[in-house]
Every structure is written in structure tokens, then in C-alpha cells.
């Protein structure tokens, strides 16, 4: 049994970690647990005794690893393909670096599965490189469209640089150094604030890098999503992603292809051109409530869930008791459920029983923020720029630079419409971070506690903070006892302009 210590951290405790096995082998040996009364270590010992894992190491090209992959593949064909036991794929995890894709493609990748984890190049903290933009291959068939597109991307960076320099100068004059703050730290703080607002001139063609961690099942879903979508860049990315991940999970990604259903659905419902009048500047995000559940019914549902979990009642008795209470007593009981929440706590799972649908009209910068740290919201989203209009950052206006950005956004709309008639595939890449799109967010109360707590904090980006402050205010007015414990972060000092 001591040979097992090569692969597990201990032999005698209930909890142990696993190492030195290919991810796909781990997934398969875990799968044995669902078909065998023996534990993981016993099944692993059996494979070792039979010589099936002799010399295995999680190193590409190792002969033992190749044998183990063959064993994993045979088992995979039996249980995953033959019996539909696809959850096995969730135990195989891969870390992937992705470089040089557009911001449009990075968002599509993140939307492919909520179970993948991402860390992306942040335009809030870094200065992009001139010329680092994606050129859709379809542009090569139309020289006029190519020239228009290149001119737009070049001008976007010119305006970005002008905004950045103007904002740095304004913030350096207006924002004093803090007590004990070095000149370098002050400069970095000022530059960060300038990055944050200058980026509204950048387009979705701007290149980005990201790190992805995902299990086999979530990666498969994301790859199918990309393969089935309208963007050539995303389809090419899906092929590369599948090729690289297959080096680690060859059998788990064998049967993968575009979804005829999704592609057919897109063709069936493609009834418009998505052309939009710019509509000019907007003051910020817009929030429209599509579904706001009845307050008393929500109070009853939450108290019923809490009693079911902790009160010793069955569901019918818990609901009967909750329905028999007046609304003030229900509110008092719900306050007890959140009044001791700390910044790092999550509310009880019963909070997931209350569900809202919200239409957001938000800038692309806001939308990309919304995709970050999402733990449970579902999105139905329109095309880039589809909401009409754009957002001018308040600090850009205060610095006297709104005219510069507005002139460019007007120009970008004109160029985008010209390109629409020449090369429609390139149109989404002409949309800037300032342009707005429509997003329908379906979100439960538990997730709103997370998002409001995170996105209304002083250090949150101003654009998304405005959106969630609007959501928080509406719920405090309409559902006060339900949302009362959501906003828990305070006292965190942030950069210039934050809090507006």
C-alpha cells in the first residue's frame, strides 16, 4: 500500500489529495466509486496491482501515462459514452493560457460555461499596445472595408492616448497625495484611474490575454458554444482550444462538434440587421425590472425555506405557518437570517428561492465587469452596441474631454454603418467599450447579495457600481427586509472619482 503514497497524500484519513496522475485518469478512477463499493484508494491499489498504472506520471509523452490514457479511454467509452455518465468529465481539470484574442472573443468564451474560471488582462490596470487589435478574415475580401476598419482602430488608439494623457494631468492636479503615500504610489493610483476611463474609446477588437481553469465538461460546453456561434475568430479559437485540451483529456473531448441545433436556431431567428441609431450619450446604465416577485409571497417563500432547513417542520407545515404570519413578523424573522452576515459570508441557500429578471442597458465596459465574479446569474444578451447610445465617464466630462470622446464615438458609428454594408462580419469589432448593449439578467436573491456586496463597494468600477446601486435602491424600497443585509462592504478607500 505504501506505493499509493506516490499518488495520495495519506493512507489512513478520510480526506486526502491526489497527485501524479493524468487528469483523465483521476476522472476515471473517481468514476469507479459510483460503480464499486470500494474507496478511491482501494480502486487505485487494484489498478497498481494489476500493473495498469505502472510508471504513470502526469507528464506528456511518458509511456506510462500513455498506457493510463488508454485505460482511461476504454473506461470512458464504457461509462461516459455507453451509459451517459458524463459527470465523470467534471473531475478532469485543465489550466489553459490564451493569448491574443479580441475582447469580443474573450466575452464569448466566458459565456460558454459559468463553471469555468477566468483571470483576464485588465484594461483598468494596464495600457494596451497600439496595433494590438483583431482583424476579421472576412475583411480581406473588401479593400474598402479593410481601410475603414484599420482607420477606425488607429483612431481609437489615438483617442485613447489623448484621453489617458489628459486624465493623468487632470488627476495629478486634482488628487492630492495621501499621508505617507510615495510619489510613485500616487502616480500609479492616478494612472489606474486614467486607464479606467480612457479605455471607453477602445473597441472590442482590442486584444487580450486570459488564464482559464476548467473541468472537462465545462470546457466541452464552452467549445461547443464557440464552434456554434457567428464569429470566425471564436470558431478558430474553439478548434485551437480543443486541440490543446485534448493533449490532456483526449477521450473526454473526442466526440465534440458544433451544435446543429444552436446554428439552426440562429438562422431561424435572424430576422433583423441589428442596425441602431447611436442615440447619443447616456448618463449611465439603465435598469428595468421585468419580473419583480410579490413581496409578501417572497417573504413567505424564504421563511418557509428557512423553517424547512432548520425548524424541524416538513414543507407543508413550514409553509402553513409562514402563510399564517403577518408581514411584519415575517420581515422580523428574515432580518434574523441576515443581520449577522459579515463581508465574507454568503446568505442561506433558501435565499435562492426568490428570483428576479432585470433588463440592463449597459456599456460594453460594464458588461465585461458583469461577467467577472458571476456565481449564479444567467444572461440573455443582445448584440454589441444593440441598445443604442453610449456612456461618457463622469471624470472624462469633468476633465473637459467629453467632446473628444463624443466626436470619436459619432465617427465610429458612421464608420460602423459603412462597414455593415461591405463586411457585416466586422461590425461587432467596431463597437467600443462606451457603446451599450441590452442584457436580461435572471438572478436569485442569494446571487444579488454577492453582486451588490461586491459591486457597490467603494473600490468597484464606477459604471457597474451605478447599475447595482440602482438595483439595491429599488429593492430597498420594494423588498426592504429581503435585501437589507446585501450591502456589507464599507470604509474601503478607493482611487479618485470613486463613489460617484
Protein backbone atom coordinates (compact mmCIF):
# COMPACT_ATOMS: atom_id res chain seq x y z
CA UNK A 1 0.00 0.00 0.00
CA UNK A 2 2.93 2.36 0.52
CA UNK A 3 3.23 2.68 -3.25
CA UNK A 4 -0.07 4.56 -3.09
CA UNK A 5 1.71 7.44 -1.36
CA UNK A 6 3.08 8.36 -4.76
CA UNK A 7 -0.46 9.31 -5.72
CA UNK A 8 -2.33 10.17 -2.49
CA UNK A 9 -1.35 12.35 0.45
CA UNK A 10 -2.23 9.83 3.18
CA UNK A 11 -3.48 6.26 3.66
CA UNK A 12 -5.49 6.49 6.87
CA UNK A 13 -7.59 9.66 6.89
CA UNK A 14 -10.98 10.37 5.36
CA UNK A 15 -9.70 13.34 3.35
CA UNK A 16 -6.70 13.16 1.05
CA UNK A 17 -5.35 14.87 -2.04
CA UNK A 18 -4.42 13.19 -5.34
CA UNK A 19 -1.28 13.86 -7.36
CA UNK A 20 0.99 12.45 -10.08
CA UNK A 21 -1.84 11.09 -12.23
CA UNK A 22 -3.08 12.45 -15.55
CA UNK A 23 -6.31 14.40 -15.12
CA UNK A 24 -8.27 11.95 -17.25
CA UNK A 25 -7.07 9.01 -15.16
CA UNK A 26 -8.22 10.76 -11.99
CA UNK A 27 -11.64 11.30 -13.56
CA UNK A 28 -11.95 7.65 -14.47
CA UNK A 29 -10.80 6.27 -11.12
CA UNK A 30 -13.26 8.62 -9.41
CA UNK A 31 -15.91 7.17 -11.70
CA UNK A 32 -15.21 3.70 -10.31
CA UNK A 33 -16.60 4.96 -6.99
CA UNK A 34 -20.10 5.19 -8.47
CA UNK A 35 -19.92 1.58 -9.69
CA UNK A 36 -17.88 -0.02 -6.90
CA UNK A 37 -18.34 -0.29 -3.11
CA UNK A 38 -14.59 0.26 -2.69
CA UNK A 39 -12.98 3.60 -1.99
CA UNK A 40 -10.74 5.57 -4.30
CA UNK A 41 -7.53 4.30 -2.72
CA UNK A 42 -8.68 0.68 -2.93
CA UNK A 43 -9.56 1.01 -6.60
CA UNK A 44 -6.28 2.75 -7.27
CA UNK A 45 -4.38 0.00 -5.43
CA UNK A 46 -6.17 -2.61 -7.56
CA UNK A 47 -5.06 -0.87 -10.75
CA UNK A 48 -1.49 -0.74 -9.43
CA UNK A 49 -1.53 -4.44 -8.50
CA UNK A 50 -2.70 -5.29 -12.00
CA UNK A 51 0.16 -3.23 -13.43
CA UNK A 52 -2.20 -0.95 -15.27
CA UNK A 53 -0.67 2.24 -13.86
CA UNK A 54 2.95 1.12 -13.70
CA UNK A 55 5.23 4.09 -14.16
CA UNK A 56 2.40 6.53 -14.63
CA UNK A 57 3.23 10.20 -14.18
CA UNK A 58 1.25 13.21 -15.31
CA UNK A 59 3.95 14.13 -17.82
CA UNK A 60 3.21 14.42 -21.52
CA UNK A 61 4.87 11.73 -23.59
CA UNK A 62 5.57 9.35 -20.71
CA UNK A 63 4.91 5.75 -21.76
CA UNK A 64 3.12 5.00 -18.50
CA UNK A 65 0.89 8.00 -18.99
CA UNK A 66 0.05 6.77 -22.48
CA UNK A 67 -0.94 3.37 -21.08
CA UNK A 68 -3.02 5.06 -18.41
CA UNK A 69 -4.73 7.20 -21.01
CA UNK A 70 -5.60 4.05 -22.97
CA UNK A 71 -7.15 2.53 -19.82
CA UNK A 72 -8.98 5.78 -19.14
CA UNK A 73 -10.20 5.86 -22.72
CA UNK A 74 -11.61 2.34 -22.57
CA UNK A 75 -13.41 3.09 -19.31
CA UNK A 76 -14.61 6.40 -20.71
CA UNK A 77 -16.15 4.70 -23.73
CA UNK A 78 -17.97 2.27 -21.45
CA UNK A 79 -19.32 4.59 -18.76
CA UNK A 80 -19.37 8.06 -20.30
CA UNK A 81 -20.39 7.26 -23.87
CA UNK A 82 -22.19 3.97 -23.33
CA UNK A 83 -24.07 4.85 -20.15
CA UNK A 84 -24.30 8.64 -20.33
CA UNK A 85 -22.22 9.09 -17.17
CA UNK A 86 -20.90 12.44 -18.42
CA UNK A 87 -20.34 13.90 -14.94
CA UNK A 88 -17.07 11.93 -14.92
CA UNK A 89 -15.60 14.67 -17.11
CA UNK A 90 -16.02 17.19 -14.28
CA UNK A 91 -13.20 15.52 -12.32
CA UNK A 92 -10.61 16.21 -15.03
CA UNK A 93 -9.30 19.77 -14.75
CA UNK A 94 -7.07 21.67 -17.17
CA UNK A 95 -5.34 25.04 -16.88
CA UNK A 96 -5.13 26.90 -20.20
CA UNK A 97 -3.35 30.10 -21.19
CA UNK A 98 -4.94 32.02 -24.05
CA UNK A 99 -3.21 34.99 -25.66
CA UNK A 100 -4.00 37.44 -28.43
CA UNK A 101 -7.78 37.11 -28.73
CA UNK A 102 -10.20 40.00 -29.00
CA UNK A 103 -12.31 41.32 -26.15
CA UNK A 104 -15.31 40.17 -28.16
CA UNK A 105 -13.99 36.59 -28.19
CA UNK A 106 -13.00 36.61 -24.51
CA UNK A 107 -16.57 37.51 -23.54
CA UNK A 108 -17.99 34.77 -25.77
CA UNK A 109 -15.61 32.26 -24.18
CA UNK A 110 -16.67 33.27 -20.68
CA UNK A 111 -20.32 32.95 -21.66
CA UNK A 112 -19.74 29.39 -22.86
CA UNK A 113 -19.99 27.96 -19.34
CA UNK A 114 -20.33 29.54 -15.91
CA UNK A 115 -18.31 26.66 -14.42
CA UNK A 116 -15.01 27.74 -15.98
CA UNK A 117 -12.80 30.17 -14.06
CA UNK A 118 -11.01 33.10 -15.71
CA UNK A 119 -8.44 35.75 -14.97
CA UNK A 120 -8.11 38.28 -17.80
CA UNK A 121 -5.79 41.11 -18.78
CA UNK A 122 -7.38 44.14 -17.17
CA UNK A 123 -7.74 47.35 -19.16
CA UNK A 124 -8.33 49.04 -15.79
CA UNK A 125 -4.75 48.37 -14.74
CA UNK A 126 -2.74 48.13 -17.96
CA UNK A 127 -2.06 50.19 -21.06
CA UNK A 128 -2.79 48.36 -24.33
CA UNK A 129 -0.30 48.34 -27.18
CA UNK A 130 -1.02 50.25 -30.39
CA UNK A 131 -1.93 47.89 -33.21
CA UNK A 132 -2.88 45.05 -30.85
CA UNK A 133 -6.28 44.53 -32.47
CA UNK A 134 -8.02 41.65 -34.22
CA UNK A 135 -8.70 41.81 -37.97
CA UNK A 136 -11.59 39.56 -39.04
CA UNK A 137 -10.50 37.44 -42.03
CA UNK A 138 -13.59 38.50 -44.00
CA UNK A 139 -12.06 41.99 -44.36
CA UNK A 140 -9.55 40.61 -46.85
CA UNK A 141 -12.28 40.29 -49.47
CA UNK A 142 -13.10 44.02 -49.42
CA UNK A 143 -10.22 46.57 -49.51
CA UNK A 144 -12.56 49.49 -48.77
CA UNK A 145 -13.90 47.83 -45.63
CA UNK A 146 -10.36 46.92 -44.58
CA UNK A 147 -9.19 50.54 -44.90
CA UNK A 148 -12.21 51.84 -43.00
CA UNK A 149 -11.67 49.26 -40.26
CA UNK A 150 -7.95 50.00 -39.93
CA UNK A 151 -8.62 53.73 -39.79
CA UNK A 152 -11.19 53.24 -37.04
CA UNK A 153 -8.87 51.09 -34.93
CA UNK A 154 -5.98 53.55 -35.35
CA UNK A 155 -8.16 56.49 -34.37
CA UNK A 156 -9.50 54.58 -31.37
CA UNK A 157 -5.98 54.28 -30.02
CA UNK A 158 -5.22 57.95 -30.81
CA UNK A 159 -8.25 58.99 -28.76
CA UNK A 160 -7.33 56.53 -26.01
CA UNK A 161 -3.86 58.08 -25.74
CA UNK A 162 -5.26 61.61 -25.70
CA UNK A 163 -7.80 60.72 -23.03
CA UNK A 164 -5.17 58.95 -20.96
CA UNK A 165 -2.75 61.89 -21.05
CA UNK A 166 -5.49 64.41 -20.34
CA UNK A 167 -6.88 62.41 -17.43
CA UNK A 168 -3.44 61.82 -15.91
CA UNK A 169 -2.77 65.55 -15.99
CA UNK A 170 -6.17 66.37 -14.51
CA UNK A 171 -5.94 63.77 -11.75
CA UNK A 172 -2.35 64.71 -10.88
CA UNK A 173 -3.52 68.29 -10.28
CA UNK A 174 -6.79 67.46 -8.56
CA UNK A 175 -5.98 64.40 -6.45
CA UNK A 176 -3.55 65.06 -3.59
CA UNK A 177 -1.11 62.52 -2.23
CA UNK A 178 -2.30 60.68 0.85
CA UNK A 179 -0.43 60.84 4.12
CA UNK A 180 2.63 58.63 3.81
CA UNK A 181 1.97 57.91 0.12
CA UNK A 182 5.11 57.92 -2.03
CA UNK A 183 5.29 59.84 -5.28
CA UNK A 184 5.43 56.54 -7.17
CA UNK A 185 2.35 55.14 -5.42
CA UNK A 186 0.45 58.35 -6.12
CA UNK A 187 1.43 58.20 -9.79
CA UNK A 188 0.26 54.58 -10.05
CA UNK A 189 -3.06 55.47 -8.44
CA UNK A 190 -3.55 58.35 -10.86
CA UNK A 191 -2.59 56.22 -13.86
CA UNK A 192 -5.02 53.48 -12.83
CA UNK A 193 -7.88 55.97 -12.72
CA UNK A 194 -6.87 57.25 -16.16
CA UNK A 195 -6.70 53.71 -17.58
CA UNK A 196 -10.18 53.03 -16.24
CA UNK A 197 -11.84 55.86 -18.15
CA UNK A 198 -9.64 56.16 -21.25
CA UNK A 199 -10.49 52.57 -22.16
CA UNK A 200 -14.01 53.63 -23.14
CA UNK A 201 -12.50 54.63 -26.51
CA UNK A 202 -11.12 51.14 -27.19
CA UNK A 203 -13.03 48.72 -29.40
CA UNK A 204 -13.96 45.09 -28.89
CA UNK A 205 -11.23 44.23 -31.41
CA UNK A 206 -8.59 45.11 -28.79
CA UNK A 207 -6.52 42.03 -27.97
CA UNK A 208 -6.46 40.49 -24.53
CA UNK A 209 -4.88 37.56 -22.68
CA UNK A 210 -6.51 35.33 -20.13
CA UNK A 211 -5.99 32.28 -17.97
CA UNK A 212 -8.69 29.62 -17.90
CA UNK A 213 -9.23 26.77 -15.47
CA UNK A 214 -12.00 24.36 -16.32
CA UNK A 215 -13.18 20.81 -15.98
CA UNK A 216 -13.72 18.60 -19.00
CA UNK A 217 -17.47 19.01 -19.04
CA UNK A 218 -17.44 22.82 -18.76
CA UNK A 219 -14.68 23.08 -21.35
CA UNK A 220 -16.67 20.90 -23.71
CA UNK A 221 -19.71 23.17 -23.29
CA UNK A 222 -17.61 26.27 -23.93
CA UNK A 223 -16.01 24.78 -27.05
CA UNK A 224 -19.39 23.78 -28.49
CA UNK A 225 -20.70 27.29 -27.75
CA UNK A 226 -17.79 28.85 -29.67
CA UNK A 227 -17.99 26.37 -32.55
CA UNK A 228 -21.70 27.06 -32.98
CA UNK A 229 -21.50 30.86 -32.87
CA UNK A 230 -21.41 33.53 -35.57
CA UNK A 231 -17.80 34.68 -35.21
CA UNK A 232 -14.98 33.12 -37.25
CA UNK A 233 -12.48 34.14 -34.56
CA UNK A 234 -14.43 32.21 -31.93
CA UNK A 235 -14.73 29.13 -34.13
CA UNK A 236 -10.98 29.18 -34.75
CA UNK A 237 -10.38 29.65 -31.03
CA UNK A 238 -12.60 26.64 -30.30
CA UNK A 239 -10.55 24.45 -32.64
CA UNK A 240 -7.27 25.54 -31.01
CA UNK A 241 -8.71 25.11 -27.53
CA UNK A 242 -9.97 21.61 -28.33
CA UNK A 243 -6.59 20.64 -29.79
CA UNK A 244 -4.65 21.81 -26.75
CA UNK A 245 -7.06 20.43 -24.16
CA UNK A 246 -7.18 17.09 -26.00
CA UNK A 247 -3.50 16.70 -25.17
CA UNK A 248 -4.57 16.39 -21.52
CA UNK A 249 -8.07 14.96 -21.93
CA UNK A 250 -8.02 13.06 -25.23
CA UNK A 251 -11.00 10.80 -24.67
CA UNK A 252 -13.15 13.28 -22.78
CA UNK A 253 -13.12 15.62 -25.79
CA UNK A 254 -13.31 13.03 -28.56
CA UNK A 255 -16.95 13.43 -29.50
CA UNK A 256 -17.17 17.18 -29.93
CA UNK A 257 -18.63 19.18 -32.81
CA UNK A 258 -20.73 22.29 -33.48
CA UNK A 259 -24.34 22.11 -32.35
CA UNK A 260 -26.63 21.88 -35.37
CA UNK A 261 -29.45 22.87 -33.05
CA UNK A 262 -27.80 26.14 -31.99
CA UNK A 263 -26.74 27.02 -35.52
CA UNK A 264 -30.19 26.27 -36.89
CA UNK A 265 -31.82 28.30 -34.14
CA UNK A 266 -29.66 31.30 -35.01
CA UNK A 267 -30.67 31.08 -38.66
CA UNK A 268 -34.36 30.70 -37.82
CA UNK A 269 -34.48 33.76 -35.59
CA UNK A 270 -32.17 36.03 -37.63
CA UNK A 271 -34.88 38.43 -38.83
CA UNK A 272 -33.12 41.80 -38.48
CA UNK A 273 -29.85 43.52 -39.27
CA UNK A 274 -29.40 44.86 -35.72
CA UNK A 275 -28.69 48.30 -37.13
CA UNK A 276 -29.09 51.01 -34.49
CA UNK A 277 -29.17 54.77 -34.38
CA UNK A 278 -26.47 55.87 -32.00
CA UNK A 279 -28.92 57.81 -29.84
CA UNK A 280 -26.05 59.88 -28.49
CA UNK A 281 -24.69 59.93 -24.97
CA UNK A 282 -26.49 58.41 -21.98
CA UNK A 283 -25.87 59.36 -18.39
CA UNK A 284 -25.05 55.79 -17.43
CA UNK A 285 -26.59 52.35 -17.10
CA UNK A 286 -30.34 51.81 -17.26
CA UNK A 287 -32.19 49.23 -15.15
CA UNK A 288 -35.69 47.97 -15.98
CA UNK A 289 -37.45 45.37 -13.84
CA UNK A 290 -39.05 42.67 -15.97
CA UNK A 291 -40.08 40.43 -13.10
CA UNK A 292 -40.30 41.64 -9.51
CA UNK A 293 -41.98 38.92 -7.42
CA UNK A 294 -44.71 39.77 -4.96
CA UNK A 295 -43.12 40.95 -1.71
CA UNK A 296 -45.30 39.00 0.71
CA UNK A 297 -45.09 35.82 -1.38
CA UNK A 298 -41.30 36.17 -1.35
CA UNK A 299 -41.28 36.66 2.43
CA UNK A 300 -43.37 33.51 2.84
CA UNK A 301 -41.17 31.51 0.45
CA UNK A 302 -37.97 32.49 2.27
CA UNK A 303 -39.33 31.84 5.77
CA UNK A 304 -40.74 28.51 4.56
CA UNK A 305 -37.31 27.53 3.24
CA UNK A 306 -35.54 28.53 6.44
CA UNK A 307 -38.01 26.58 8.59
CA UNK A 308 -37.74 23.57 6.30
CA UNK A 309 -33.96 23.64 6.72
CA UNK A 310 -33.77 24.37 10.44
CA UNK A 311 -37.20 24.36 12.08
CA UNK A 312 -37.93 20.66 12.16
CA UNK A 313 -41.07 21.09 10.03
CA UNK A 314 -41.94 19.35 6.79
CA UNK A 315 -42.59 21.63 3.81
CA UNK A 316 -46.37 21.82 4.13
CA UNK A 317 -46.23 22.65 7.84
CA UNK A 318 -43.48 25.23 7.29
CA UNK A 319 -45.48 26.92 4.53
CA UNK A 320 -48.73 26.82 6.56
CA UNK A 321 -47.04 28.53 9.50
CA UNK A 322 -45.38 31.15 7.28
CA UNK A 323 -48.64 31.93 5.47
CA UNK A 324 -50.35 32.42 8.83
CA UNK A 325 -47.95 35.15 9.94
CA UNK A 326 -48.43 38.85 9.27
CA UNK A 327 -45.89 40.58 7.03
CA UNK A 328 -44.14 42.46 9.85
CA UNK A 329 -43.41 39.24 11.72
CA UNK A 330 -42.13 37.64 8.51
CA UNK A 331 -39.83 40.63 7.99
CA UNK A 332 -38.51 40.34 11.55
CA UNK A 333 -37.70 36.66 11.05
CA UNK A 334 -35.90 37.33 7.78
CA UNK A 335 -33.82 40.07 9.38
CA UNK A 336 -32.63 37.47 11.87
CA UNK A 337 -31.34 35.43 8.93
CA UNK A 338 -29.00 38.15 7.64
CA UNK A 339 -28.27 40.57 10.48
CA UNK A 340 -25.05 38.78 11.49
CA UNK A 341 -23.69 38.33 7.96
CA UNK A 342 -20.10 39.55 7.63
CA UNK A 343 -18.41 40.87 4.50
CA UNK A 344 -17.16 37.39 3.65
CA UNK A 345 -20.31 35.38 4.44
CA UNK A 346 -22.94 34.22 1.99
CA UNK A 347 -26.63 34.13 2.91
CA UNK A 348 -28.52 30.89 3.48
CA UNK A 349 -29.32 28.78 0.43
CA UNK A 350 -33.04 29.47 0.93
CA UNK A 351 -32.36 32.94 -0.50
CA UNK A 352 -32.09 31.26 -3.90
CA UNK A 353 -35.86 30.68 -3.92
CA UNK A 354 -36.56 34.36 -4.70
CA UNK A 355 -35.83 35.12 -8.37
CA UNK A 356 -35.75 38.39 -10.35
CA UNK A 357 -35.46 39.28 -14.04
CA UNK A 358 -33.80 42.60 -14.84
CA UNK A 359 -33.18 44.29 -18.21
CA UNK A 360 -29.88 46.15 -18.20
CA UNK A 361 -28.76 48.64 -20.84
CA UNK A 362 -25.08 48.94 -20.07
CA UNK A 363 -21.80 49.88 -21.70
CA UNK A 364 -19.53 47.15 -23.01
CA UNK A 365 -17.10 48.10 -20.22
CA UNK A 366 -19.88 47.48 -17.71
CA UNK A 367 -20.89 44.22 -19.41
CA UNK A 368 -17.36 42.83 -19.18
CA UNK A 369 -17.32 43.72 -15.48
CA UNK A 370 -20.65 41.96 -15.05
CA UNK A 371 -19.17 38.76 -16.44
CA UNK A 372 -16.45 38.83 -13.77
CA UNK A 373 -17.12 37.12 -10.45
CA UNK A 374 -20.52 35.89 -11.59
CA UNK A 375 -21.51 32.93 -9.42
CA UNK A 376 -25.10 32.29 -10.38
CA UNK A 377 -26.72 34.87 -12.65
CA UNK A 378 -27.95 33.82 -16.09
CA UNK A 379 -27.76 36.21 -19.03
CA UNK A 380 -29.70 36.55 -22.26
CA UNK A 381 -27.77 39.19 -24.17
CA UNK A 382 -28.16 41.25 -27.31
CA UNK A 383 -25.60 42.11 -29.96
CA UNK A 384 -22.74 44.52 -29.17
CA UNK A 385 -23.98 48.09 -29.43
CA UNK A 386 -27.55 46.88 -29.79
CA UNK A 387 -29.02 49.09 -27.05
CA UNK A 388 -28.17 52.32 -28.85
CA UNK A 389 -26.18 55.21 -27.46
CA UNK A 390 -23.04 55.29 -25.39
CA UNK A 391 -21.76 56.18 -21.93
CA UNK A 392 -19.36 59.05 -21.23
CA UNK A 393 -17.42 58.56 -17.96
CA UNK A 394 -18.16 61.39 -15.49
CA UNK A 395 -14.45 62.05 -14.91
CA UNK A 396 -13.95 62.49 -18.67
CA UNK A 397 -16.63 65.20 -18.57
CA UNK A 398 -15.09 66.83 -15.50
CA UNK A 399 -11.70 66.95 -17.25
CA UNK A 400 -13.22 68.74 -20.24
CA UNK A 401 -12.55 65.76 -22.53
CA UNK A 402 -16.13 64.70 -23.29
CA UNK A 403 -16.06 66.40 -26.70
CA UNK A 404 -13.02 64.39 -27.75
CA UNK A 405 -14.67 61.09 -26.87
CA UNK A 406 -18.10 62.08 -28.24
CA UNK A 407 -16.64 63.12 -31.60
CA UNK A 408 -14.86 59.80 -31.89
CA UNK A 409 -17.94 57.78 -30.94
CA UNK A 410 -20.00 59.65 -33.53
CA UNK A 411 -17.32 58.90 -36.11
CA UNK A 412 -17.19 55.24 -35.05
CA UNK A 413 -20.95 54.90 -35.57
CA UNK A 414 -20.66 56.34 -39.07
CA UNK A 415 -17.79 54.01 -39.97
CA UNK A 416 -19.57 51.03 -38.48
CA UNK A 417 -22.61 51.61 -40.67
CA UNK A 418 -20.44 51.90 -43.77
CA UNK A 419 -18.70 48.64 -42.90
CA UNK A 420 -22.08 46.98 -42.27
CA UNK A 421 -22.84 47.27 -45.97
CA UNK A 422 -19.42 45.99 -47.03
CA UNK A 423 -18.39 43.40 -44.45
CA UNK A 424 -21.05 42.79 -41.79
CA UNK A 425 -18.86 40.20 -40.03
CA UNK A 426 -16.53 43.02 -38.91
CA UNK A 427 -19.27 45.22 -37.42
CA UNK A 428 -19.16 43.85 -33.82
CA UNK A 429 -15.43 44.60 -33.67
CA UNK A 430 -16.16 48.28 -34.40
CA UNK A 431 -18.17 48.67 -31.19
CA UNK A 432 -16.35 50.48 -28.38
CA UNK A 433 -16.32 49.94 -24.65
CA UNK A 434 -18.56 53.03 -24.37
CA UNK A 435 -21.34 51.61 -26.56
CA UNK A 436 -24.29 49.97 -24.84
CA UNK A 437 -25.90 46.58 -25.22
CA UNK A 438 -29.01 45.03 -23.72
CA UNK A 439 -28.69 42.19 -21.22
CA UNK A 440 -31.51 40.36 -19.46
CA UNK A 441 -30.21 39.09 -16.11
CA UNK A 442 -32.10 36.32 -14.33
CA UNK A 443 -30.77 36.30 -10.80
CA UNK A 444 -31.82 34.98 -7.41
CA UNK A 445 -31.63 36.81 -4.10
CA UNK A 446 -28.59 34.79 -2.96
CA UNK A 447 -26.61 35.93 -6.02
CA UNK A 448 -27.79 39.51 -5.63
CA UNK A 449 -26.32 39.53 -2.12
CA UNK A 450 -22.99 38.57 -3.68
CA UNK A 451 -23.18 41.05 -6.57
CA UNK A 452 -24.48 44.01 -4.54
CA UNK A 453 -21.92 43.39 -1.79
CA UNK A 454 -19.12 43.24 -4.37
CA UNK A 455 -20.23 45.82 -6.92
CA UNK A 456 -21.38 48.62 -4.60
CA UNK A 457 -18.15 48.67 -2.61
CA UNK A 458 -16.06 51.86 -2.80
CA UNK A 459 -13.34 50.19 -4.88
CA UNK A 460 -15.78 48.85 -7.50
CA UNK A 461 -15.60 50.28 -11.03
CA UNK A 462 -17.91 53.31 -11.21
CA UNK A 463 -20.05 52.13 -14.15
CA UNK A 464 -21.10 48.77 -12.74
CA UNK A 465 -21.38 50.31 -9.28
CA UNK A 466 -24.02 52.70 -10.61
CA UNK A 467 -26.03 49.78 -12.01
CA UNK A 468 -26.02 47.82 -8.76
CA UNK A 469 -26.70 50.89 -6.65
CA UNK A 470 -29.85 51.36 -8.75
CA UNK A 471 -30.82 47.71 -8.21
CA UNK A 472 -30.10 48.00 -4.48
CA UNK A 473 -32.16 51.20 -4.11
CA UNK A 474 -35.17 49.70 -5.90
CA UNK A 475 -35.11 46.58 -3.75
CA UNK A 476 -34.65 48.56 -0.52
CA UNK A 477 -37.77 50.48 -1.48
CA UNK A 478 -39.84 47.48 -2.67
CA UNK A 479 -38.34 44.48 -0.81
CA UNK A 480 -36.62 46.05 2.23
CA UNK A 481 -36.42 43.05 4.55
CA UNK A 482 -35.22 40.75 1.77
CA UNK A 483 -32.30 42.89 0.62
CA UNK A 484 -31.38 44.55 3.92
CA UNK A 485 -28.20 42.56 4.51
CA UNK A 486 -26.76 42.70 1.00
CA UNK A 487 -24.63 45.83 1.15
CA UNK A 488 -21.96 44.96 3.69
CA UNK A 489 -18.71 46.48 2.44
CA UNK A 490 -17.82 49.96 3.64
CA UNK A 491 -14.89 52.08 4.67
CA UNK A 492 -12.57 50.89 1.87
CA UNK A 493 -10.75 53.88 0.44
CA UNK A 494 -10.53 53.93 -3.35
CA UNK A 495 -9.00 55.94 -6.17
CA UNK A 496 -10.01 59.38 -7.45
CA UNK A 497 -13.59 59.79 -8.57
CA UNK A 498 -14.76 56.57 -6.97
CA UNK A 499 -18.07 56.85 -5.15
CA UNK A 500 -19.81 58.91 -7.78
